[in-house]
């Protein structure tokens, strides 16, 4: 039976989706230019009044990926200020996150499937997982939720994206 390492199950998947997200933002820029509106329009998009806006979706996807990699590798995640105010700044955040995710060596993930992962919460007791369940049942679903929401917001705004853009090459 072939086994997949914790590194192989996380870092490359995050990096690939971040590459896809960069392509979506390039498509969004081209769409705004073709339709003659500011890319700032995208920054506050929401699918429902009570959801977090577009900018926050990218920030949370970034935090989910860098936090996951850092926790699995027993490192401190890089801190970002969550102050992106333009599409170009969001592009830069995605690039910085992808670079960090890819910079952590596979050896740093060794043994992480059994490592205790504790996620503090604003209210209530922290969430506790072993590394494998954290990756499979919390970190990856959270990351893909916010990446998918980013994609959906751009589609809702008319950016010509399709399933192949989401899945990437």
N, C-alpha and C. Protein backbone atom coordinates (compact mmCIF):
# COMPACT_ATOMS: atom_id res chain seq x y z
N UNK A 1 0.85 -1.19 0.00
CA UNK A 1 0.00 0.00 0.00
C UNK A 1 0.89 1.25 0.00
N UNK A 2 0.61 2.16 -0.89
CA UNK A 2 1.36 3.40 -0.97
C UNK A 2 0.89 4.35 0.11
N UNK A 3 1.83 4.94 0.80
CA UNK A 3 1.52 5.93 1.84
C UNK A 3 1.87 7.31 1.30
N UNK A 4 1.11 8.30 1.71
CA UNK A 4 1.39 9.68 1.34
C UNK A 4 1.86 10.40 2.60
N UNK A 5 2.89 11.18 2.44
CA UNK A 5 3.43 11.91 3.60
C UNK A 5 2.54 13.11 3.92
N UNK A 6 2.66 13.58 5.15
CA UNK A 6 1.90 14.76 5.56
C UNK A 6 2.31 15.97 4.72
N UNK A 7 3.57 16.06 4.38
CA UNK A 7 4.03 17.15 3.52
C UNK A 7 3.36 17.06 2.16
N UNK A 8 3.42 15.87 1.54
CA UNK A 8 2.85 15.70 0.21
C UNK A 8 1.35 15.93 0.19
N UNK A 9 0.68 15.66 1.30
CA UNK A 9 -0.77 15.84 1.38
C UNK A 9 -1.17 17.28 1.64
N UNK A 10 -0.22 18.14 1.95
CA UNK A 10 -0.57 19.51 2.32
C UNK A 10 0.11 20.57 1.45
N UNK A 11 1.39 20.75 1.60
CA UNK A 11 2.08 21.87 0.96
C UNK A 11 1.86 21.95 -0.55
N UNK A 12 2.04 20.86 -1.31
CA UNK A 12 1.81 20.98 -2.75
C UNK A 12 0.36 21.29 -3.11
N UNK A 13 -0.59 20.77 -2.34
CA UNK A 13 -2.01 21.06 -2.61
C UNK A 13 -2.30 22.54 -2.37
N UNK A 14 -1.79 23.08 -1.27
CA UNK A 14 -1.98 24.51 -1.01
C UNK A 14 -1.33 25.33 -2.13
N UNK A 15 -0.11 25.00 -2.47
CA UNK A 15 0.62 25.77 -3.48
C UNK A 15 -0.10 25.75 -4.83
N UNK A 16 -0.61 24.58 -5.21
CA UNK A 16 -1.33 24.48 -6.49
C UNK A 16 -2.57 25.37 -6.49
N UNK A 17 -3.34 25.32 -5.41
CA UNK A 17 -4.55 26.14 -5.36
C UNK A 17 -4.19 27.63 -5.33
N UNK A 18 -3.12 27.99 -4.64
CA UNK A 18 -2.71 29.39 -4.67
C UNK A 18 -2.33 29.82 -6.08
N UNK A 19 -1.69 28.95 -6.84
CA UNK A 19 -1.40 29.25 -8.24
C UNK A 19 -2.69 29.47 -9.03
N UNK A 20 -3.68 28.62 -8.77
CA UNK A 20 -4.97 28.80 -9.43
C UNK A 20 -5.59 30.13 -9.03
N UNK A 21 -5.53 30.45 -7.75
CA UNK A 21 -6.11 31.71 -7.27
C UNK A 21 -5.43 32.92 -7.93
N UNK A 22 -4.12 32.84 -8.12
CA UNK A 22 -3.43 33.93 -8.82
C UNK A 22 -3.97 34.08 -10.23
N UNK A 23 -4.24 32.97 -10.89
CA UNK A 23 -4.83 33.03 -12.24
C UNK A 23 -6.22 33.65 -12.20
N UNK A 24 -7.02 33.33 -11.17
CA UNK A 24 -8.35 33.92 -11.06
C UNK A 24 -8.25 35.43 -10.91
N UNK A 25 -7.29 35.89 -10.11
CA UNK A 25 -7.17 37.34 -9.91
C UNK A 25 -6.68 38.04 -11.16
N UNK A 26 -5.84 37.37 -11.95
CA UNK A 26 -5.45 37.94 -13.25
C UNK A 26 -6.66 38.03 -14.16
N UNK A 27 -7.49 37.00 -14.15
CA UNK A 27 -8.72 37.03 -14.96
C UNK A 27 -9.66 38.13 -14.48
N UNK A 28 -9.71 38.35 -13.17
CA UNK A 28 -10.55 39.42 -12.61
C UNK A 28 -10.04 40.79 -13.07
N UNK A 29 -8.73 40.97 -13.07
CA UNK A 29 -8.16 42.24 -13.55
C UNK A 29 -8.53 42.47 -15.02
N UNK A 30 -8.38 41.44 -15.83
CA UNK A 30 -8.70 41.56 -17.26
C UNK A 30 -10.19 41.84 -17.45
N UNK A 31 -11.03 41.20 -16.66
CA UNK A 31 -12.47 41.41 -16.75
C UNK A 31 -12.82 42.85 -16.40
N UNK A 32 -12.25 43.37 -15.32
CA UNK A 32 -12.52 44.75 -14.91
C UNK A 32 -12.05 45.73 -15.99
N UNK A 33 -10.88 45.46 -16.55
CA UNK A 33 -10.36 46.34 -17.60
C UNK A 33 -11.27 46.30 -18.83
N UNK A 34 -11.70 45.13 -19.24
CA UNK A 34 -12.56 45.00 -20.42
C UNK A 34 -13.91 45.68 -20.21
N UNK A 35 -14.42 45.61 -18.98
CA UNK A 35 -15.73 46.20 -18.67
C UNK A 35 -15.61 47.63 -18.16
N UNK A 36 -14.37 48.09 -18.03
CA UNK A 36 -14.08 49.48 -17.64
C UNK A 36 -14.60 49.83 -16.24
N UNK A 37 -14.26 48.98 -15.27
CA UNK A 37 -14.54 49.32 -13.87
C UNK A 37 -13.31 49.02 -13.03
N UNK A 38 -13.26 49.61 -11.87
CA UNK A 38 -12.13 49.46 -10.96
C UNK A 38 -12.12 48.07 -10.33
N UNK A 39 -10.95 47.51 -10.18
CA UNK A 39 -10.84 46.22 -9.49
C UNK A 39 -11.21 46.33 -8.01
N UNK A 40 -11.29 47.53 -7.50
CA UNK A 40 -11.72 47.73 -6.11
C UNK A 40 -13.13 47.19 -5.87
N UNK A 41 -13.92 47.10 -6.93
CA UNK A 41 -15.28 46.57 -6.82
C UNK A 41 -15.27 45.16 -6.22
N UNK A 42 -14.27 44.38 -6.56
CA UNK A 42 -14.21 43.00 -6.08
C UNK A 42 -14.00 42.91 -4.56
N UNK A 43 -13.31 43.87 -3.99
CA UNK A 43 -12.83 43.76 -2.61
C UNK A 43 -13.93 43.60 -1.57
N UNK A 44 -15.10 44.11 -1.84
CA UNK A 44 -16.18 44.05 -0.85
C UNK A 44 -17.29 43.08 -1.24
N UNK A 45 -17.07 42.30 -2.28
CA UNK A 45 -18.10 41.35 -2.72
C UNK A 45 -18.45 40.36 -1.62
N UNK A 46 -19.74 40.03 -1.55
CA UNK A 46 -20.26 39.02 -0.63
C UNK A 46 -21.37 38.28 -1.36
N UNK A 47 -21.56 37.02 -1.03
CA UNK A 47 -22.69 36.28 -1.58
C UNK A 47 -23.93 36.46 -0.72
N UNK A 48 -23.75 36.85 0.52
CA UNK A 48 -24.86 37.09 1.45
C UNK A 48 -24.44 38.20 2.40
N UNK A 49 -25.39 38.97 2.90
CA UNK A 49 -25.04 40.10 3.75
C UNK A 49 -24.25 39.74 5.01
N UNK A 50 -24.45 38.53 5.52
CA UNK A 50 -23.78 38.17 6.78
C UNK A 50 -22.45 37.43 6.58
N UNK A 51 -21.96 37.36 5.36
CA UNK A 51 -20.68 36.67 5.14
C UNK A 51 -19.53 37.66 5.06
N UNK A 52 -18.34 37.16 5.27
CA UNK A 52 -17.15 37.99 5.17
C UNK A 52 -16.88 38.35 3.71
N UNK A 53 -16.34 39.54 3.45
CA UNK A 53 -16.12 39.98 2.07
C UNK A 53 -14.94 39.26 1.40
N UNK A 54 -14.84 39.47 0.12
CA UNK A 54 -13.83 38.88 -0.76
C UNK A 54 -12.42 38.96 -0.16
N UNK A 55 -12.02 40.14 0.26
CA UNK A 55 -10.68 40.32 0.81
C UNK A 55 -10.44 39.37 1.97
N UNK A 56 -11.40 39.26 2.85
CA UNK A 56 -11.26 38.39 4.02
C UNK A 56 -11.19 36.93 3.61
N UNK A 57 -11.88 36.54 2.55
CA UNK A 57 -11.83 35.15 2.09
C UNK A 57 -10.39 34.76 1.72
N UNK A 58 -9.70 35.65 1.03
CA UNK A 58 -8.31 35.39 0.64
C UNK A 58 -7.40 35.40 1.86
N UNK A 59 -7.62 36.35 2.75
CA UNK A 59 -6.80 36.41 3.97
C UNK A 59 -6.95 35.12 4.79
N UNK A 60 -8.17 34.63 4.93
CA UNK A 60 -8.40 33.42 5.73
C UNK A 60 -7.83 32.19 5.01
N UNK A 61 -7.96 32.10 3.70
CA UNK A 61 -7.34 30.99 2.97
C UNK A 61 -5.83 31.00 3.19
N UNK A 62 -5.24 32.18 3.14
CA UNK A 62 -3.81 32.34 3.39
C UNK A 62 -3.46 31.89 4.80
N UNK A 63 -4.21 32.37 5.77
CA UNK A 63 -3.94 32.00 7.17
C UNK A 63 -4.11 30.50 7.40
N UNK A 64 -5.11 29.91 6.76
CA UNK A 64 -5.36 28.48 6.93
C UNK A 64 -4.17 27.66 6.42
N UNK A 65 -3.66 28.02 5.26
CA UNK A 65 -2.55 27.26 4.67
C UNK A 65 -1.26 27.46 5.45
N UNK A 66 -0.91 28.71 5.73
CA UNK A 66 0.36 28.93 6.44
C UNK A 66 0.28 28.42 7.87
N UNK A 67 -0.89 28.52 8.49
CA UNK A 67 -1.06 28.00 9.84
C UNK A 67 -0.95 26.49 9.86
N UNK A 68 -1.54 25.83 8.89
CA UNK A 68 -1.47 24.37 8.81
C UNK A 68 -0.03 23.90 8.65
N UNK A 69 0.66 24.46 7.69
CA UNK A 69 2.05 24.07 7.45
C UNK A 69 2.90 24.33 8.69
N UNK A 70 2.73 25.48 9.29
CA UNK A 70 3.52 25.82 10.47
C UNK A 70 3.24 24.86 11.63
N UNK A 71 1.97 24.58 11.87
CA UNK A 71 1.63 23.66 12.97
C UNK A 71 2.18 22.27 12.73
N UNK A 72 2.02 21.77 11.50
CA UNK A 72 2.51 20.43 11.20
C UNK A 72 4.03 20.36 11.28
N UNK A 73 4.70 21.44 10.97
CA UNK A 73 6.17 21.48 10.98
C UNK A 73 6.73 22.00 12.30
N UNK A 74 5.88 22.25 13.28
CA UNK A 74 6.30 22.79 14.59
C UNK A 74 7.07 24.10 14.43
N UNK A 75 6.52 24.99 13.64
CA UNK A 75 7.12 26.31 13.41
C UNK A 75 6.10 27.38 13.77
N UNK A 76 6.58 28.61 13.85
CA UNK A 76 5.69 29.76 13.96
C UNK A 76 5.36 30.21 12.54
N UNK A 77 4.08 30.42 12.29
CA UNK A 77 3.66 30.90 10.97
C UNK A 77 4.06 32.36 10.80
N UNK A 78 4.40 32.76 9.58
CA UNK A 78 4.66 34.18 9.36
C UNK A 78 3.40 34.99 9.66
N UNK A 79 3.59 36.18 10.19
CA UNK A 79 2.47 37.05 10.53
C UNK A 79 2.24 38.04 9.39
N UNK A 80 0.99 38.14 8.95
CA UNK A 80 0.59 39.13 7.96
C UNK A 80 -0.43 40.04 8.64
N UNK A 81 -0.46 41.31 8.25
CA UNK A 81 -1.26 42.31 8.95
C UNK A 81 -2.75 42.34 8.56
N UNK A 82 -3.16 41.60 7.57
CA UNK A 82 -4.56 41.64 7.11
C UNK A 82 -4.99 43.06 6.72
N UNK A 83 -4.09 43.76 6.04
CA UNK A 83 -4.40 45.15 5.66
C UNK A 83 -4.42 45.34 4.14
N UNK A 84 -4.59 44.26 3.41
CA UNK A 84 -4.62 44.38 1.95
C UNK A 84 -5.83 45.20 1.53
N UNK A 85 -5.57 46.19 0.68
CA UNK A 85 -6.63 47.12 0.26
C UNK A 85 -6.78 47.20 -1.25
N UNK A 86 -6.04 46.39 -1.99
CA UNK A 86 -6.14 46.36 -3.45
C UNK A 86 -6.01 44.91 -3.92
N UNK A 87 -6.42 44.67 -5.14
CA UNK A 87 -6.26 43.34 -5.72
C UNK A 87 -4.78 42.99 -5.82
N UNK A 88 -3.95 43.95 -6.18
CA UNK A 88 -2.51 43.69 -6.28
C UNK A 88 -1.91 43.29 -4.93
N UNK A 89 -2.39 43.89 -3.85
CA UNK A 89 -1.91 43.51 -2.52
C UNK A 89 -2.37 42.10 -2.14
N UNK A 90 -3.57 41.73 -2.58
CA UNK A 90 -4.03 40.35 -2.35
C UNK A 90 -3.20 39.36 -3.15
N UNK A 91 -2.84 39.72 -4.38
CA UNK A 91 -1.95 38.89 -5.19
C UNK A 91 -0.64 38.69 -4.45
N UNK A 92 -0.09 39.75 -3.90
CA UNK A 92 1.18 39.65 -3.18
C UNK A 92 1.05 38.76 -1.95
N UNK A 93 -0.06 38.85 -1.25
CA UNK A 93 -0.26 37.99 -0.07
C UNK A 93 -0.31 36.52 -0.48
N UNK A 94 -1.00 36.23 -1.56
CA UNK A 94 -1.06 34.85 -2.04
C UNK A 94 0.34 34.37 -2.40
N UNK A 95 1.10 35.19 -3.08
CA UNK A 95 2.47 34.80 -3.45
C UNK A 95 3.34 34.55 -2.22
N UNK A 96 3.25 35.44 -1.23
CA UNK A 96 4.04 35.27 0.00
C UNK A 96 3.64 33.99 0.72
N UNK A 97 2.36 33.71 0.75
CA UNK A 97 1.89 32.50 1.42
C UNK A 97 2.37 31.26 0.68
N UNK A 98 2.23 31.26 -0.63
CA UNK A 98 2.69 30.12 -1.43
C UNK A 98 4.19 29.91 -1.24
N UNK A 99 4.95 31.00 -1.24
CA UNK A 99 6.40 30.89 -1.04
C UNK A 99 6.72 30.27 0.32
N UNK A 100 6.01 30.70 1.36
CA UNK A 100 6.25 30.13 2.70
C UNK A 100 5.91 28.64 2.71
N UNK A 101 4.75 28.29 2.21
CA UNK A 101 4.29 26.89 2.21
C UNK A 101 5.32 26.00 1.51
N UNK A 102 5.86 26.49 0.41
CA UNK A 102 6.84 25.70 -0.35
C UNK A 102 8.24 25.72 0.28
N UNK A 103 8.49 26.66 1.18
CA UNK A 103 9.82 26.79 1.78
C UNK A 103 10.06 25.81 2.92
N UNK A 104 9.02 25.26 3.49
CA UNK A 104 9.17 24.37 4.64
C UNK A 104 9.56 22.98 4.13
N UNK A 105 10.70 22.47 4.57
CA UNK A 105 11.16 21.17 4.04
C UNK A 105 10.27 20.01 4.49
N UNK A 106 10.17 19.02 3.63
CA UNK A 106 9.35 17.84 3.93
C UNK A 106 9.77 17.19 5.24
N UNK A 107 11.06 17.21 5.55
CA UNK A 107 11.55 16.58 6.78
C UNK A 107 10.92 17.20 8.03
N UNK A 108 10.53 18.48 7.95
CA UNK A 108 9.94 19.16 9.12
C UNK A 108 8.56 18.60 9.46
N UNK A 109 7.94 17.90 8.51
CA UNK A 109 6.60 17.33 8.71
C UNK A 109 6.65 15.93 9.31
N UNK A 110 7.84 15.34 9.38
CA UNK A 110 7.96 13.95 9.84
C UNK A 110 7.40 13.81 11.25
N UNK A 111 6.55 12.82 11.42
CA UNK A 111 5.92 12.56 12.71
C UNK A 111 4.72 13.44 13.01
N UNK A 112 4.38 14.35 12.10
CA UNK A 112 3.29 15.31 12.39
C UNK A 112 1.91 14.67 12.41
N UNK A 113 1.76 13.49 11.82
CA UNK A 113 0.44 12.87 11.83
C UNK A 113 -0.03 12.55 13.25
N UNK A 114 0.91 12.35 14.16
CA UNK A 114 0.57 12.05 15.56
C UNK A 114 0.77 13.24 16.51
N UNK A 115 1.31 14.33 15.99
CA UNK A 115 1.58 15.50 16.82
C UNK A 115 0.27 16.13 17.28
N UNK A 116 0.21 16.56 18.54
CA UNK A 116 -1.00 17.25 19.01
C UNK A 116 -1.04 18.66 18.42
N UNK A 117 -2.18 18.99 17.85
CA UNK A 117 -2.41 20.31 17.28
C UNK A 117 -3.53 20.95 18.09
N UNK A 118 -3.26 22.14 18.62
CA UNK A 118 -4.24 22.86 19.44
C UNK A 118 -4.56 24.17 18.73
N UNK A 119 -5.83 24.39 18.48
CA UNK A 119 -6.29 25.60 17.80
C UNK A 119 -7.05 26.45 18.82
N UNK A 120 -6.50 27.60 19.22
CA UNK A 120 -7.23 28.47 20.14
C UNK A 120 -8.48 29.04 19.47
N UNK A 121 -9.49 29.28 20.26
CA UNK A 121 -10.72 29.89 19.75
C UNK A 121 -11.01 31.15 20.55
N UNK A 122 -11.75 32.06 19.92
CA UNK A 122 -12.10 33.31 20.59
C UNK A 122 -12.95 33.06 21.83
N UNK A 123 -13.83 32.08 21.74
CA UNK A 123 -14.65 31.72 22.89
C UNK A 123 -14.69 30.20 23.01
N UNK A 124 -14.67 29.72 24.20
CA UNK A 124 -14.73 28.29 24.42
C UNK A 124 -13.36 27.65 24.46
N UNK A 125 -13.39 26.37 24.69
CA UNK A 125 -12.15 25.61 24.77
C UNK A 125 -11.48 25.51 23.41
N UNK A 126 -10.16 25.38 23.42
CA UNK A 126 -9.47 25.21 22.14
C UNK A 126 -9.85 23.88 21.49
N UNK A 127 -9.69 23.83 20.16
CA UNK A 127 -9.89 22.58 19.43
C UNK A 127 -8.59 21.79 19.50
N UNK A 128 -8.70 20.48 19.69
CA UNK A 128 -7.51 19.64 19.78
C UNK A 128 -7.63 18.48 18.80
N UNK A 129 -6.55 18.23 18.08
CA UNK A 129 -6.50 17.19 17.07
C UNK A 129 -5.15 16.50 17.13
N UNK A 130 -5.06 15.29 16.55
CA UNK A 130 -3.75 14.80 16.15
C UNK A 130 -3.52 15.39 14.76
N UNK A 131 -2.28 15.40 14.31
CA UNK A 131 -1.95 16.07 13.05
C UNK A 131 -2.72 15.57 11.85
N UNK A 132 -2.89 14.26 11.75
CA UNK A 132 -3.59 13.71 10.59
C UNK A 132 -5.04 14.17 10.54
N UNK A 133 -5.73 14.09 11.66
CA UNK A 133 -7.13 14.54 11.68
C UNK A 133 -7.24 16.04 11.53
N UNK A 134 -6.29 16.78 12.05
CA UNK A 134 -6.27 18.23 11.84
C UNK A 134 -6.19 18.55 10.35
N UNK A 135 -5.25 17.90 9.66
CA UNK A 135 -5.08 18.16 8.23
C UNK A 135 -6.33 17.76 7.45
N UNK A 136 -6.82 16.54 7.67
CA UNK A 136 -7.93 16.01 6.87
C UNK A 136 -9.27 16.63 7.19
N UNK A 137 -9.52 16.94 8.46
CA UNK A 137 -10.88 17.31 8.86
C UNK A 137 -11.04 18.75 9.31
N UNK A 138 -9.95 19.52 9.35
CA UNK A 138 -10.07 20.93 9.73
C UNK A 138 -9.32 21.83 8.74
N UNK A 139 -8.02 21.66 8.63
CA UNK A 139 -7.21 22.60 7.85
C UNK A 139 -7.56 22.59 6.36
N UNK A 140 -7.58 21.42 5.75
CA UNK A 140 -7.88 21.37 4.31
C UNK A 140 -9.31 21.81 4.02
N UNK A 141 -10.32 21.31 4.74
CA UNK A 141 -11.68 21.80 4.46
C UNK A 141 -11.82 23.32 4.65
N UNK A 142 -11.19 23.87 5.68
CA UNK A 142 -11.26 25.31 5.91
C UNK A 142 -10.61 26.07 4.76
N UNK A 143 -9.43 25.62 4.34
CA UNK A 143 -8.74 26.26 3.23
C UNK A 143 -9.60 26.22 1.95
N UNK A 144 -10.11 25.05 1.62
CA UNK A 144 -10.88 24.92 0.39
C UNK A 144 -12.22 25.66 0.46
N UNK A 145 -12.79 25.77 1.65
CA UNK A 145 -14.02 26.57 1.80
C UNK A 145 -13.76 28.01 1.37
N UNK A 146 -12.68 28.60 1.85
CA UNK A 146 -12.40 30.01 1.55
C UNK A 146 -11.88 30.19 0.12
N UNK A 147 -11.14 29.24 -0.41
CA UNK A 147 -10.73 29.30 -1.81
C UNK A 147 -11.95 29.20 -2.72
N UNK A 148 -12.84 28.28 -2.42
CA UNK A 148 -14.05 28.11 -3.22
C UNK A 148 -14.94 29.35 -3.16
N UNK A 149 -15.03 29.95 -1.98
CA UNK A 149 -15.82 31.17 -1.85
C UNK A 149 -15.21 32.30 -2.68
N UNK A 150 -13.89 32.40 -2.68
CA UNK A 150 -13.21 33.39 -3.52
C UNK A 150 -13.58 33.19 -4.98
N UNK A 151 -13.49 31.95 -5.44
CA UNK A 151 -13.85 31.61 -6.81
C UNK A 151 -15.31 31.97 -7.10
N UNK A 152 -16.20 31.60 -6.18
CA UNK A 152 -17.63 31.85 -6.39
C UNK A 152 -17.93 33.35 -6.45
N UNK A 153 -17.26 34.13 -5.64
CA UNK A 153 -17.46 35.59 -5.67
C UNK A 153 -17.04 36.17 -7.02
N UNK A 154 -15.93 35.71 -7.54
CA UNK A 154 -15.48 36.20 -8.85
C UNK A 154 -16.44 35.77 -9.96
N UNK A 155 -16.90 34.52 -9.91
CA UNK A 155 -17.89 34.07 -10.90
C UNK A 155 -19.17 34.90 -10.81
N UNK A 156 -19.60 35.15 -9.58
CA UNK A 156 -20.81 35.94 -9.36
C UNK A 156 -20.64 37.35 -9.95
N UNK A 157 -19.42 37.86 -9.93
CA UNK A 157 -19.13 39.19 -10.47
C UNK A 157 -18.96 39.18 -11.99
N UNK A 158 -19.09 38.01 -12.60
CA UNK A 158 -19.01 37.93 -14.05
C UNK A 158 -17.65 37.58 -14.60
N UNK A 159 -16.67 37.32 -13.75
CA UNK A 159 -15.35 36.96 -14.25
C UNK A 159 -15.48 35.61 -14.96
N UNK A 160 -15.00 35.53 -16.19
CA UNK A 160 -15.18 34.30 -16.97
C UNK A 160 -14.23 33.19 -16.53
N UNK A 161 -14.64 32.49 -15.49
CA UNK A 161 -13.90 31.35 -14.96
C UNK A 161 -14.77 30.11 -15.08
N UNK A 162 -14.14 28.97 -15.19
CA UNK A 162 -14.87 27.71 -15.24
C UNK A 162 -14.22 26.68 -14.33
N UNK A 163 -14.76 25.50 -14.36
CA UNK A 163 -14.28 24.42 -13.49
C UNK A 163 -12.79 24.16 -13.69
N UNK A 164 -12.33 24.20 -14.94
CA UNK A 164 -10.90 23.97 -15.19
C UNK A 164 -10.02 25.04 -14.56
N UNK A 165 -10.54 26.26 -14.43
CA UNK A 165 -9.80 27.32 -13.75
C UNK A 165 -9.69 27.02 -12.26
N UNK A 166 -10.75 26.44 -11.70
CA UNK A 166 -10.72 26.07 -10.28
C UNK A 166 -9.75 24.92 -10.05
N UNK A 167 -9.83 23.90 -10.89
CA UNK A 167 -8.99 22.72 -10.71
C UNK A 167 -7.55 22.95 -11.14
N UNK A 168 -7.33 23.84 -12.08
CA UNK A 168 -5.98 24.11 -12.56
C UNK A 168 -5.49 23.01 -13.49
N UNK A 169 -4.28 23.22 -14.04
CA UNK A 169 -3.73 22.28 -15.02
C UNK A 169 -3.15 21.06 -14.38
